[in-house]
Amino acid sequence: MHASGVPGTRLARAGGMPAVTVVVPTCGRPELLARCLAALDRQTLPRGEYQVIVADDSVLRSGPAAARNRGWQQARAGIIAFTDDDTEPQPQWLENGLRAMQHADAAAGRLVMPIPDPPTDYERNAQGLERAEFVTANCFVRREVLERIGGFDEGFRIAWREDSDLQFRLLRSGARIARAQDAVVVHPVRPAPWGVSLRQQRKVMFDALLFRKHPELYRRHIRAGGRWDYYAIVGALLVAPVFPAALLPWAMLTGWFFGQRMKGASRRPAHVLEMLVTSALIPPLAVFWRVAGMLRYRVAFL
């Protein structure tokens, strides 16, 4: 972990404190990190008024939540701004974010994720982050509040739901969370390997952890119930060896799922083939990881 080499790490005056510390977790992505730091160097906030801390997790591999904790705990400012190493904070990001923090304990900025037209299924799903209420790619929190609630829960060992957990604990603590629509961070969608949606199903396990900690807030802010279409598909698949006729509803439901994913998506042959294969595999994988989360965190999560 280190303060970056951008000029923003200089303090406003001798012995003074910066107005805000930016924490950027990273793990083996030097080109993306360089792009992010270059964007931070273009901030309209005077360069002496912000500090940048890069929390490098390449050695410990303890996850972004732990990296962010190491970052803000070393911060010198009373307000912490969080973003990711693959983002491009816009020039007025810090200035506008600080303005939103004048009468708040935390603030959620606006995330912009440009995607091609038509997009792949992965690109469209990734763009869903734009609609999230509170994401660590663009948020501000007072250091004293982070200290009071204990920072990020390091039990979230991958980049998934650790930001929602922080948001829910802020809400439960009575913290005031402001919206900072003019504090903009552009988050380009990174290229993804074939079948990336299959690997992403593991994230469901951490939904179970979030649900165990905050059941009512999870239902209110994220999802009221599980994917019953997945359960129906897996149920039909399980009974098919005994009742082969169950293959018909399995094929119909899987075809419906494939059709839903293809609406407005790229029709490139390679993408269509990927959607066909992954549409058959996602439901059983998602149910497997949901059950794994239920068992690991001892919670009824349906």
C-alpha atoms as a PDB file:
ATOM      1  CA  MET A   1       0.000   0.000   0.000  1.00  0.00           C
ATOM      2  CA  HIS A   2       1.356   3.389  -0.898  1.00  0.00           C
ATOM      3  CA  ALA A   3       0.416   6.946  -1.720  1.00  0.00           C
ATOM      4  CA  SER A   4       0.396   7.341  -5.461  1.00  0.00           C
ATOM      5  CA  GLY A   5       2.843   9.492  -7.358  1.00  0.00           C
ATOM      6  CA  VAL A   6       0.177  11.880  -8.607  1.00  0.00           C
ATOM      7  CA  PRO A   7       0.607  15.499  -7.494  1.00  0.00           C
ATOM      8  CA  GLY A   8      -2.627  15.265  -5.503  1.00  0.00           C
ATOM      9  CA  THR A   9      -0.734  13.563  -2.702  1.00  0.00           C
ATOM     10  CA  ARG A  10       0.858  16.881  -1.706  1.00  0.00           C
ATOM     11  CA  LEU A  11      -0.802  18.678   1.205  1.00  0.00           C
ATOM     12  CA  ALA A  12      -2.382  22.094   0.915  1.00  0.00           C
ATOM     13  CA  ARG A  13      -0.032  23.687   3.439  1.00  0.00           C
ATOM     14  CA  ALA A  14       2.830  22.723   5.669  1.00  0.00           C
ATOM     15  CA  GLY A  15       1.504  20.521   8.430  1.00  0.00           C
ATOM     16  CA  GLY A  16      -2.015  20.736   6.986  1.00  0.00           C
ATOM     17  CA  MET A  17      -4.409  17.968   6.122  1.00  0.00           C
ATOM     18  CA  PRO A  18      -5.970  17.188   2.739  1.00  0.00           C
ATOM     19  CA  ALA A  19      -9.713  17.669   2.395  1.00  0.00           C
ATOM     20  CA  VAL A  20     -10.200  14.154   1.036  1.00  0.00           C
ATOM     21  CA  THR A  21      -8.257  10.918   0.639  1.00  0.00           C
ATOM     22  CA  VAL A  22      -8.938   8.753  -2.423  1.00  0.00           C
ATOM     23  CA  VAL A  23      -8.504   5.009  -1.823  1.00  0.00           C
ATOM     24  CA  VAL A  24      -7.912   2.853  -4.905  1.00  0.00           C
ATOM     25  CA  PRO A  25      -7.624  -0.924  -4.376  1.00  0.00           C
ATOM     26  CA  THR A  26      -5.719  -2.762  -7.077  1.00  0.00           C
ATOM     27  CA  CYS A  27      -4.457  -6.251  -7.821  1.00  0.00           C
ATOM     28  CA  GLY A  28      -2.129  -6.854 -10.759  1.00  0.00           C
ATOM     29  CA  ARG A  29      -3.639  -4.423 -13.263  1.00  0.00           C
ATOM     30  CA  PRO A  30      -0.924  -1.772 -13.787  1.00  0.00           C
ATOM     31  CA  GLU A  31      -2.259  -0.429 -17.105  1.00  0.00           C
ATOM     32  CA  LEU A  32      -5.743   0.155 -15.705  1.00  0.00           C
ATOM     33  CA  LEU A  33      -4.331   1.640 -12.515  1.00  0.00           C
ATOM     34  CA  ALA A  34      -2.189   4.084 -14.522  1.00  0.00           C
ATOM     35  CA  ARG A  35      -5.286   5.231 -16.415  1.00  0.00           C
ATOM     36  CA  CYS A  36      -7.186   5.766 -13.148  1.00  0.00           C
ATOM     37  CA  LEU A  37      -4.321   7.706 -11.560  1.00  0.00           C
ATOM     38  CA  ALA A  38      -4.023   9.891 -14.670  1.00  0.00           C
ATOM     39  CA  ALA A  39      -7.733  10.736 -14.313  1.00  0.00           C
ATOM     40  CA  LEU A  40      -7.206  11.587 -10.639  1.00  0.00           C
ATOM     41  CA  ASP A  41      -4.371  13.889 -11.656  1.00  0.00           C
ATOM     42  CA  ARG A  42      -6.852  15.895 -13.757  1.00  0.00           C
ATOM     43  CA  GLN A  43      -9.177  16.785 -10.886  1.00  0.00           C
ATOM     44  CA  THR A  44     -10.411  20.375 -10.626  1.00  0.00           C
ATOM     45  CA  LEU A  45      -9.994  20.208  -6.856  1.00  0.00           C
ATOM     46  CA  PRO A  46      -6.687  21.963  -6.067  1.00  0.00           C
ATOM     47  CA  ARG A  47      -3.917  19.413  -6.079  1.00  0.00           C
ATOM     48  CA  GLY A  48      -2.856  20.159  -2.545  1.00  0.00           C
ATOM     49  CA  GLU A  49      -6.307  19.305  -1.181  1.00  0.00           C
ATOM     50  CA  TYR A  50      -6.460  15.596  -1.924  1.00  0.00           C
ATOM     51  CA  GLN A  51      -4.374  12.548  -1.171  1.00  0.00           C
ATOM     52  CA  VAL A  52      -4.372   9.298  -3.169  1.00  0.00           C
ATOM     53  CA  ILE A  53      -3.657   5.938  -1.553  1.00  0.00           C
ATOM     54  CA  VAL A  54      -3.230   2.842  -3.712  1.00  0.00           C
ATOM     55  CA  ALA A  55      -3.965  -0.322  -1.723  1.00  0.00           C
ATOM     56  CA  ASP A  56      -2.163  -3.082  -3.615  1.00  0.00           C
ATOM     57  CA  ASP A  57      -3.568  -6.535  -2.850  1.00  0.00           C
ATOM     58  CA  SER A  58      -1.294  -8.427  -5.264  1.00  0.00           C
ATOM     59  CA  VAL A  59       0.606 -10.195  -2.478  1.00  0.00           C
ATOM     60  CA  LEU A  60      -1.960 -10.852   0.233  1.00  0.00           C
ATOM     61  CA  ARG A  61      -4.878 -11.559  -2.136  1.00  0.00           C
ATOM     62  CA  SER A  62      -7.243 -10.831   0.733  1.00  0.00           C
ATOM     63  CA  GLY A  63      -9.906  -9.189  -1.424  1.00  0.00           C
ATOM     64  CA  PRO A  64     -10.988  -5.623  -2.210  1.00  0.00           C
ATOM     65  CA  ALA A  65     -12.809  -5.131   1.104  1.00  0.00           C
ATOM     66  CA  ALA A  66      -9.610  -5.799   3.056  1.00  0.00           C
ATOM     67  CA  ALA A  67      -7.567  -3.630   0.661  1.00  0.00           C
ATOM     68  CA  ARG A  68      -9.973  -0.714   1.119  1.00  0.00           C
ATOM     69  CA  ASN A  69      -9.733  -1.085   4.892  1.00  0.00           C
ATOM     70  CA  ARG A  70      -5.953  -0.909   4.761  1.00  0.00           C
ATOM     71  CA  GLY A  71      -6.275   2.157   2.578  1.00  0.00           C
ATOM     72  CA  TRP A  72      -8.691   4.279   4.605  1.00  0.00           C
ATOM     73  CA  GLN A  73      -6.980   3.356   7.866  1.00  0.00           C
ATOM     74  CA  GLN A  74      -3.826   5.064   6.533  1.00  0.00           C
ATOM     75  CA  ALA A  75      -5.722   8.106   5.247  1.00  0.00           C
ATOM     76  CA  ARG A  76      -4.956  11.603   6.506  1.00  0.00           C
ATOM     77  CA  ALA A  77      -8.233  13.244   5.551  1.00  0.00           C
ATOM     78  CA  GLY A  78     -11.537  13.215   7.376  1.00  0.00           C
ATOM     79  CA  ILE A  79     -13.425  12.248   4.209  1.00  0.00           C
ATOM     80  CA  ILE A  80     -12.593   9.109   2.230  1.00  0.00           C
ATOM     81  CA  ALA A  81     -13.452   8.756  -1.456  1.00  0.00           C
ATOM     82  CA  PHE A  82     -13.490   5.254  -2.901  1.00  0.00           C
ATOM     83  CA  THR A  83     -13.074   4.236  -6.524  1.00  0.00           C
ATOM     84  CA  ASP A  84     -11.663   1.231  -8.405  1.00  0.00           C
ATOM     85  CA  ASP A  85      -8.470   0.830 -10.411  1.00  0.00           C
ATOM     86  CA  ASP A  86     -10.395   0.331 -13.682  1.00  0.00           C
ATOM     87  CA  THR A  87     -12.376   3.578 -13.502  1.00  0.00           C
ATOM     88  CA  GLU A  88     -11.901   7.086 -14.865  1.00  0.00           C
ATOM     89  CA  PRO A  89     -13.104   9.689 -12.323  1.00  0.00           C
ATOM     90  CA  GLN A  90     -14.251  12.781 -14.198  1.00  0.00           C
ATOM     91  CA  PRO A  91     -12.446  16.096 -13.534  1.00  0.00           C
ATOM     92  CA  GLN A  92     -15.028  17.511 -11.096  1.00  0.00           C
ATOM     93  CA  TRP A  93     -15.546  14.234  -9.242  1.00  0.00           C
ATOM     94  CA  LEU A  94     -13.831  15.186  -6.003  1.00  0.00           C
ATOM     95  CA  GLU A  95     -15.007  18.781  -6.005  1.00  0.00           C
ATOM     96  CA  ASN A  96     -18.649  17.815  -6.479  1.00  0.00           C
ATOM     97  CA  GLY A  97     -18.420  14.878  -4.101  1.00  0.00           C
ATOM     98  CA  LEU A  98     -17.094  17.093  -1.324  1.00  0.00           C
ATOM     99  CA  ARG A  99     -19.943  19.528  -1.918  1.00  0.00           C
ATOM    100  CA  ALA A 100     -22.456  16.708  -1.425  1.00  0.00           C
ATOM    101  CA  MET A 101     -20.714  15.753   1.828  1.00  0.00           C
ATOM    102  CA  GLN A 102     -21.241  19.136   3.482  1.00  0.00           C
ATOM    103  CA  HIS A 103     -24.328  17.943   5.361  1.00  0.00           C
ATOM    104  CA  ALA A 104     -23.974  14.155   5.030  1.00  0.00           C
ATOM    105  CA  ASP A 105     -22.085  11.227   6.519  1.00  0.00           C
ATOM    106  CA  ALA A 106     -21.726   9.494   3.147  1.00  0.00           C
ATOM    107  CA  ALA A 107     -22.510  10.194  -0.479  1.00  0.00           C
ATOM    108  CA  ALA A 108     -23.107   8.015  -3.527  1.00  0.00           C
ATOM    109  CA  GLY A 109     -21.861   9.411  -6.823  1.00  0.00           C
ATOM    110  CA  ARG A 110     -23.041   8.560 -10.333  1.00  0.00           C
ATOM    111  CA  LEU A 111     -21.485   5.710 -12.287  1.00  0.00           C
ATOM    112  CA  VAL A 112     -21.453   5.752 -16.099  1.00  0.00           C
ATOM    113  CA  MET A 113     -20.703   2.500 -17.947  1.00  0.00           C
ATOM    114  CA  PRO A 114     -20.723   2.976 -21.735  1.00  0.00           C
ATOM    115  CA  ILE A 115     -21.375  -0.178 -23.748  1.00  0.00           C
ATOM    116  CA  PRO A 116     -21.637  -0.881 -27.489  1.00  0.00           C
ATOM    117  CA  ASP A 117     -24.929  -1.181 -29.356  1.00  0.00           C
ATOM    118  CA  PRO A 118     -25.884  -3.967 -29.464  1.00  0.00           C
ATOM    119  CA  PRO A 119     -24.097  -5.198 -26.333  1.00  0.00           C
ATOM    120  CA  THR A 120     -23.177  -8.669 -25.261  1.00  0.00           C
ATOM    121  CA  ASP A 121     -25.139 -10.196 -22.397  1.00  0.00           C
ATOM    122  CA  TYR A 122     -22.109  -9.651 -20.127  1.00  0.00           C
ATOM    123  CA  GLU A 123     -21.773  -5.984 -21.090  1.00  0.00           C
ATOM    124  CA  ARG A 124     -25.469  -5.318 -20.501  1.00  0.00           C
ATOM    125  CA  ASN A 125     -25.382  -7.030 -17.099  1.00  0.00           C
ATOM    126  CA  ALA A 126     -22.269  -5.088 -16.113  1.00  0.00           C
ATOM    127  CA  GLN A 127     -23.987  -1.832 -17.029  1.00  0.00           C
ATOM    128  CA  GLY A 128     -26.580  -2.622 -14.381  1.00  0.00           C
ATOM    129  CA  LEU A 129     -24.139  -1.106 -11.876  1.00  0.00           C
ATOM    130  CA  GLU A 130     -25.290   2.288 -13.143  1.00  0.00           C
ATOM    131  CA  ARG A 131     -28.606   1.689 -11.348  1.00  0.00           C
ATOM    132  CA  ALA A 132     -27.075   0.569  -8.064  1.00  0.00           C
ATOM    133  CA  GLU A 133     -27.810   2.769  -5.067  1.00  0.00           C
ATOM    134  CA  PHE A 134     -24.327   2.677  -3.536  1.00  0.00           C
ATOM    135  CA  VAL A 135     -21.145   1.306  -5.125  1.00  0.00           C
ATOM    136  CA  THR A 136     -17.544   1.483  -3.992  1.00  0.00           C
ATOM    137  CA  ALA A 137     -16.472   2.534  -7.477  1.00  0.00           C
ATOM    138  CA  ASN A 138     -17.875   5.958  -6.576  1.00  0.00           C
ATOM    139  CA  CYS A 139     -18.700   6.829  -2.988  1.00  0.00           C
ATOM    140  CA  PHE A 140     -17.608   9.117  -0.164  1.00  0.00           C
ATOM    141  CA  VAL A 141     -17.682   8.315   3.572  1.00  0.00           C
ATOM    142  CA  ARG A 142     -16.518  10.243   6.614  1.00  0.00           C
ATOM    143  CA  ARG A 143     -13.593   8.528   8.297  1.00  0.00           C
ATOM    144  CA  GLU A 144     -15.188   8.818  11.748  1.00  0.00           C
ATOM    145  CA  VAL A 145     -18.241   6.953  10.450  1.00  0.00           C
ATOM    146  CA  LEU A 146     -16.059   4.192   8.980  1.00  0.00           C
ATOM    147  CA  GLU A 147     -14.334   3.878  12.333  1.00  0.00           C
ATOM    148  CA  ARG A 148     -17.667   3.694  14.147  1.00  0.00           C
ATOM    149  CA  ILE A 149     -19.119   0.914  11.976  1.00  0.00           C
ATOM    150  CA  GLY A 150     -15.853  -0.976  11.531  1.00  0.00           C
ATOM    151  CA  GLY A 151     -15.154  -0.285   7.865  1.00  0.00           C
ATOM    152  CA  PHE A 152     -15.723  -2.994   5.267  1.00  0.00           C
ATOM    153  CA  ASP A 153     -16.609  -6.556   6.224  1.00  0.00           C
ATOM    154  CA  GLU A 154     -13.627  -8.582   5.005  1.00  0.00           C
ATOM    155  CA  GLY A 155     -15.775 -11.698   4.885  1.00  0.00           C
ATOM    156  CA  PHE A 156     -16.754 -10.512   1.405  1.00  0.00           C
ATOM    157  CA  ARG A 157     -13.612 -11.818  -0.231  1.00  0.00           C
ATOM    158  CA  ILE A 158     -14.461 -10.951  -3.824  1.00  0.00           C
ATOM    159  CA  ALA A 159     -15.733  -7.756  -5.430  1.00  0.00           C
ATOM    160  CA  TRP A 160     -19.395  -8.450  -4.735  1.00  0.00           C
ATOM    161  CA  ARG A 161     -21.874  -7.116  -2.153  1.00  0.00           C
ATOM    162  CA  GLU A 162     -19.218  -5.579   0.106  1.00  0.00           C
ATOM    163  CA  ASP A 163     -20.515  -2.174  -0.986  1.00  0.00           C
ATOM    164  CA  SER A 164     -24.150  -3.098  -0.249  1.00  0.00           C
ATOM    165  CA  ASP A 165     -23.091  -4.388   3.157  1.00  0.00           C
ATOM    166  CA  LEU A 166     -21.399  -1.055   3.882  1.00  0.00           C
ATOM    167  CA  GLN A 167     -24.497   0.824   2.694  1.00  0.00           C
ATOM    168  CA  PHE A 168     -26.794  -1.267   4.893  1.00  0.00           C
ATOM    169  CA  ARG A 169     -24.606  -0.794   7.965  1.00  0.00           C
ATOM    170  CA  LEU A 170     -24.527   2.948   7.287  1.00  0.00           C
ATOM    171  CA  LEU A 171     -28.325   2.972   7.132  1.00  0.00           C
ATOM    172  CA  ARG A 172     -28.658   0.926  10.313  1.00  0.00           C
ATOM    173  CA  SER A 173     -26.285   3.277  12.118  1.00  0.00           C
ATOM    174  CA  GLY A 174     -28.471   6.264  11.254  1.00  0.00           C
ATOM    175  CA  ALA A 175     -25.928   7.792   8.872  1.00  0.00           C
ATOM    176  CA  ARG A 176     -27.137  10.369   6.367  1.00  0.00           C
ATOM    177  CA  ILE A 177     -26.405   9.230   2.802  1.00  0.00           C
ATOM    178  CA  ALA A 178     -26.605  11.917   0.112  1.00  0.00           C
ATOM    179  CA  ARG A 179     -26.834  11.563  -3.660  1.00  0.00           C
ATOM    180  CA  ALA A 180     -24.073  13.228  -5.656  1.00  0.00           C
ATOM    181  CA  GLN A 181     -25.305  12.985  -9.231  1.00  0.00           C
ATOM    182  CA  ASP A 182     -22.705  15.452 -10.479  1.00  0.00           C
ATOM    183  CA  ALA A 183     -19.822  13.450  -8.969  1.00  0.00           C
ATOM    184  CA  VAL A 184     -19.282  11.231 -11.999  1.00  0.00           C
ATOM    185  CA  VAL A 185     -17.017   8.232 -12.475  1.00  0.00           C
ATOM    186  CA  VAL A 186     -16.817   6.520 -15.864  1.00  0.00           C
ATOM    187  CA  HIS A 187     -16.386   2.754 -15.520  1.00  0.00           C
ATOM    188  CA  PRO A 188     -15.490   1.173 -18.882  1.00  0.00           C
ATOM    189  CA  VAL A 189     -16.584  -2.449 -19.131  1.00  0.00           C
ATOM    190  CA  ARG A 190     -13.496  -4.647 -19.282  1.00  0.00           C
ATOM    191  CA  PRO A 191     -13.211  -7.361 -21.955  1.00  0.00           C
ATOM    192  CA  ALA A 192     -14.364 -10.714 -20.608  1.00  0.00           C
ATOM    193  CA  PRO A 193     -13.370 -14.280 -21.534  1.00  0.00           C
ATOM    194  CA  TRP A 194     -15.787 -16.728 -23.099  1.00  0.00           C
ATOM    195  CA  GLY A 195     -18.299 -18.074 -20.592  1.00  0.00           C
ATOM    196  CA  VAL A 196     -17.632 -15.382 -17.990  1.00  0.00           C
ATOM    197  CA  SER A 197     -21.245 -15.627 -16.806  1.00  0.00           C
ATOM    198  CA  LEU A 198     -20.528 -19.138 -15.507  1.00  0.00           C
ATOM    199  CA  ARG A 199     -17.717 -17.966 -13.233  1.00  0.00           C
ATOM    200  CA  GLN A 200     -19.856 -15.107 -12.000  1.00  0.00           C
ATOM    201  CA  GLN A 201     -22.397 -17.479 -10.454  1.00  0.00           C
ATOM    202  CA  ARG A 202     -20.076 -17.943  -7.466  1.00  0.00           C
ATOM    203  CA  LYS A 203     -21.068 -14.448  -6.391  1.00  0.00           C
ATOM    204  CA  VAL A 204     -24.456 -15.797  -5.303  1.00  0.00           C
ATOM    205  CA  MET A 205     -22.744 -17.274  -2.246  1.00  0.00           C
ATOM    206  CA  PHE A 206     -22.026 -13.770  -0.967  1.00  0.00           C
ATOM    207  CA  ASP A 207     -25.649 -12.783  -1.521  1.00  0.00           C
ATOM    208  CA  ALA A 208     -26.365 -15.368   1.165  1.00  0.00           C
ATOM    209  CA  LEU A 209     -23.932 -13.641   3.527  1.00  0.00           C
ATOM    210  CA  LEU A 210     -25.520 -10.261   2.856  1.00  0.00           C
ATOM    211  CA  PHE A 211     -29.004 -11.715   3.380  1.00  0.00           C
ATOM    212  CA  ARG A 212     -27.986 -13.306   6.676  1.00  0.00           C
ATOM    213  CA  LYS A 213     -26.695  -9.981   7.966  1.00  0.00           C
ATOM    214  CA  HIS A 214     -29.481  -7.736   6.647  1.00  0.00           C
ATOM    215  CA  PRO A 215     -32.574  -9.754   5.626  1.00  0.00           C
ATOM    216  CA  GLU A 216     -35.063  -6.877   5.574  1.00  0.00           C
ATOM    217  CA  LEU A 217     -32.751  -4.424   3.822  1.00  0.00           C
ATOM    218  CA  TYR A 218     -31.803  -7.122   1.304  1.00  0.00           C
ATOM    219  CA  ARG A 219     -35.462  -7.693   0.429  1.00  0.00           C
ATOM    220  CA  ARG A 220     -36.151  -3.962   0.220  1.00  0.00           C
ATOM    221  CA  HIS A 221     -33.114  -2.842  -1.783  1.00  0.00           C
ATOM    222  CA  ILE A 222     -31.987  -5.868  -3.792  1.00  0.00           C
ATOM    223  CA  ARG A 223     -34.447  -8.704  -4.316  1.00  0.00           C
ATOM    224  CA  ALA A 224     -37.597  -9.928  -2.629  1.00  0.00           C
ATOM    225  CA  GLY A 225     -37.173 -13.553  -3.712  1.00  0.00           C
ATOM    226  CA  GLY A 226     -34.936 -15.989  -5.542  1.00  0.00           C
ATOM    227  CA  ARG A 227     -34.895 -17.036  -9.198  1.00  0.00           C
ATOM    228  CA  TRP A 228     -37.811 -19.444  -9.293  1.00  0.00           C
ATOM    229  CA  ASP A 229     -37.211 -20.079 -12.999  1.00  0.00           C
ATOM    230  CA  TYR A 230     -33.812 -21.502 -12.034  1.00  0.00           C
ATOM    231  CA  TYR A 231     -35.421 -23.786  -9.464  1.00  0.00           C
ATOM    232  CA  ALA A 232     -37.962 -25.004 -12.034  1.00  0.00           C
ATOM    233  CA  ILE A 233     -35.241 -25.686 -14.610  1.00  0.00           C
ATOM    234  CA  VAL A 234     -33.089 -27.582 -12.110  1.00  0.00           C
ATOM    235  CA  GLY A 235     -36.101 -29.467 -10.766  1.00  0.00           C
ATOM    236  CA  ALA A 236     -37.036 -30.653 -14.245  1.00  0.00           C
ATOM    237  CA  LEU A 237     -33.449 -31.687 -14.901  1.00  0.00           C
ATOM    238  CA  LEU A 238     -33.257 -33.687 -11.672  1.00  0.00           C
ATOM    239  CA  VAL A 239     -36.407 -35.699 -12.284  1.00  0.00           C
ATOM    240  CA  ALA A 240     -35.629 -36.327 -15.969  1.00  0.00           C
ATOM    241  CA  PRO A 241     -33.685 -39.591 -15.299  1.00  0.00           C
ATOM    242  CA  VAL A 242     -36.825 -41.029 -13.672  1.00  0.00           C
ATOM    243  CA  PHE A 243     -39.428 -39.222 -15.792  1.00  0.00           C
ATOM    244  CA  PRO A 244     -37.876 -38.505 -19.215  1.00  0.00           C
ATOM    245  CA  ALA A 245     -40.905 -36.414 -20.129  1.00  0.00           C
ATOM    246  CA  ALA A 246     -39.502 -33.741 -17.777  1.00  0.00           C
ATOM    247  CA  LEU A 247     -36.944 -32.945 -20.479  1.00  0.00           C
ATOM    248  CA  LEU A 248     -39.659 -31.112 -22.380  1.00  0.00           C
ATOM    249  CA  PRO A 249     -40.375 -28.492 -19.692  1.00  0.00           C
ATOM    250  CA  TRP A 250     -36.600 -28.266 -19.072  1.00  0.00           C
ATOM    251  CA  ALA A 251     -36.011 -27.496 -22.759  1.00  0.00           C
ATOM    252  CA  MET A 252     -38.900 -25.014 -22.865  1.00  0.00           C
ATOM    253  CA  LEU A 253     -37.762 -23.154 -19.732  1.00  0.00           C
ATOM    254  CA  THR A 254     -34.137 -23.143 -20.864  1.00  0.00           C
ATOM    255  CA  GLY A 255     -35.198 -21.837 -24.263  1.00  0.00           C
ATOM    256  CA  TRP A 256     -37.236 -19.091 -22.587  1.00  0.00           C
ATOM    257  CA  PHE A 257     -34.213 -18.151 -20.461  1.00  0.00           C
ATOM    258  CA  PHE A 258     -32.008 -18.042 -23.569  1.00  0.00           C
ATOM    259  CA  GLY A 259     -34.563 -15.837 -25.348  1.00  0.00           C
ATOM    260  CA  GLN A 260     -34.699 -13.392 -22.438  1.00  0.00           C
ATOM    261  CA  ARG A 261     -30.918 -13.035 -22.476  1.00  0.00           C
ATOM    262  CA  MET A 262     -30.810 -12.493 -26.235  1.00  0.00           C
ATOM    263  CA  LYS A 263     -33.343  -9.632 -26.306  1.00  0.00           C
ATOM    264  CA  GLY A 264     -31.500  -6.592 -27.634  1.00  0.00           C
ATOM    265  CA  ALA A 265     -28.154  -8.395 -27.395  1.00  0.00           C
ATOM    266  CA  SER A 266     -25.479  -8.983 -30.011  1.00  0.00           C
ATOM    267  CA  ARG A 267     -26.336 -11.556 -32.660  1.00  0.00           C
ATOM    268  CA  ARG A 268     -22.734 -12.388 -33.498  1.00  0.00           C
ATOM    269  CA  PRO A 269     -22.539 -16.187 -34.026  1.00  0.00           C
ATOM    270  CA  ALA A 270     -19.903 -16.652 -31.311  1.00  0.00           C
ATOM    271  CA  HIS A 271     -22.044 -14.729 -28.825  1.00  0.00           C
ATOM    272  CA  VAL A 272     -25.199 -16.663 -29.748  1.00  0.00           C
ATOM    273  CA  LEU A 273     -23.340 -19.950 -29.233  1.00  0.00           C
ATOM    274  CA  GLU A 274     -22.034 -18.724 -25.868  1.00  0.00           C
ATOM    275  CA  MET A 275     -25.577 -17.795 -24.820  1.00  0.00           C
ATOM    276  CA  LEU A 276     -26.908 -21.226 -25.845  1.00  0.00           C
ATOM    277  CA  VAL A 277     -24.294 -23.098 -23.824  1.00  0.00           C
ATOM    278  CA  THR A 278     -24.325 -20.849 -20.767  1.00  0.00           C
ATOM    279  CA  SER A 279     -28.135 -20.671 -20.657  1.00  0.00           C
ATOM    280  CA  ALA A 280     -28.165 -24.427 -20.082  1.00  0.00           C
ATOM    281  CA  LEU A 281     -25.440 -24.278 -17.422  1.00  0.00           C
ATOM    282  CA  ILE A 282     -26.250 -21.108 -15.450  1.00  0.00           C
ATOM    283  CA  PRO A 283     -29.383 -22.347 -13.602  1.00  0.00           C
ATOM    284  CA  PRO A 284     -27.741 -25.448 -12.052  1.00  0.00           C
ATOM    285  CA  LEU A 285     -24.588 -23.489 -11.220  1.00  0.00           C
ATOM    286  CA  ALA A 286     -26.584 -20.662  -9.643  1.00  0.00           C
ATOM    287  CA  VAL A 287     -28.613 -23.102  -7.531  1.00  0.00           C
ATOM    288  CA  PHE A 288     -25.414 -24.925  -6.506  1.00  0.00           C
ATOM    289  CA  TRP A 289     -23.775 -21.707  -5.274  1.00  0.00           C
ATOM    290  CA  ARG A 290     -26.992 -20.601  -3.562  1.00  0.00           C
ATOM    291  CA  VAL A 291     -27.103 -23.881  -1.631  1.00  0.00           C
ATOM    292  CA  ALA A 292     -23.375 -23.531  -0.878  1.00  0.00           C
ATOM    293  CA  GLY A 293     -24.045 -20.061   0.540  1.00  0.00           C
ATOM    294  CA  MET A 294     -26.941 -21.347   2.640  1.00  0.00           C
ATOM    295  CA  LEU A 295     -24.770 -24.066   4.124  1.00  0.00           C
ATOM    296  CA  ARG A 296     -21.688 -21.912   4.619  1.00  0.00           C
ATOM    297  CA  TYR A 297     -23.529 -19.034   6.279  1.00  0.00           C
ATOM    298  CA  ARG A 298     -26.292 -21.121   7.850  1.00  0.00           C
ATOM    299  CA  VAL A 299     -29.184 -19.152   6.453  1.00  0.00           C
ATOM    300  CA  ALA A 300     -32.396 -20.063   4.631  1.00  0.00           C
ATOM    301  CA  PHE A 301     -31.820 -18.116   1.446  1.00  0.00           C
ATOM    302  CA  LEU A 302     -34.375 -18.827  -1.256  1.00  0.00           C
END
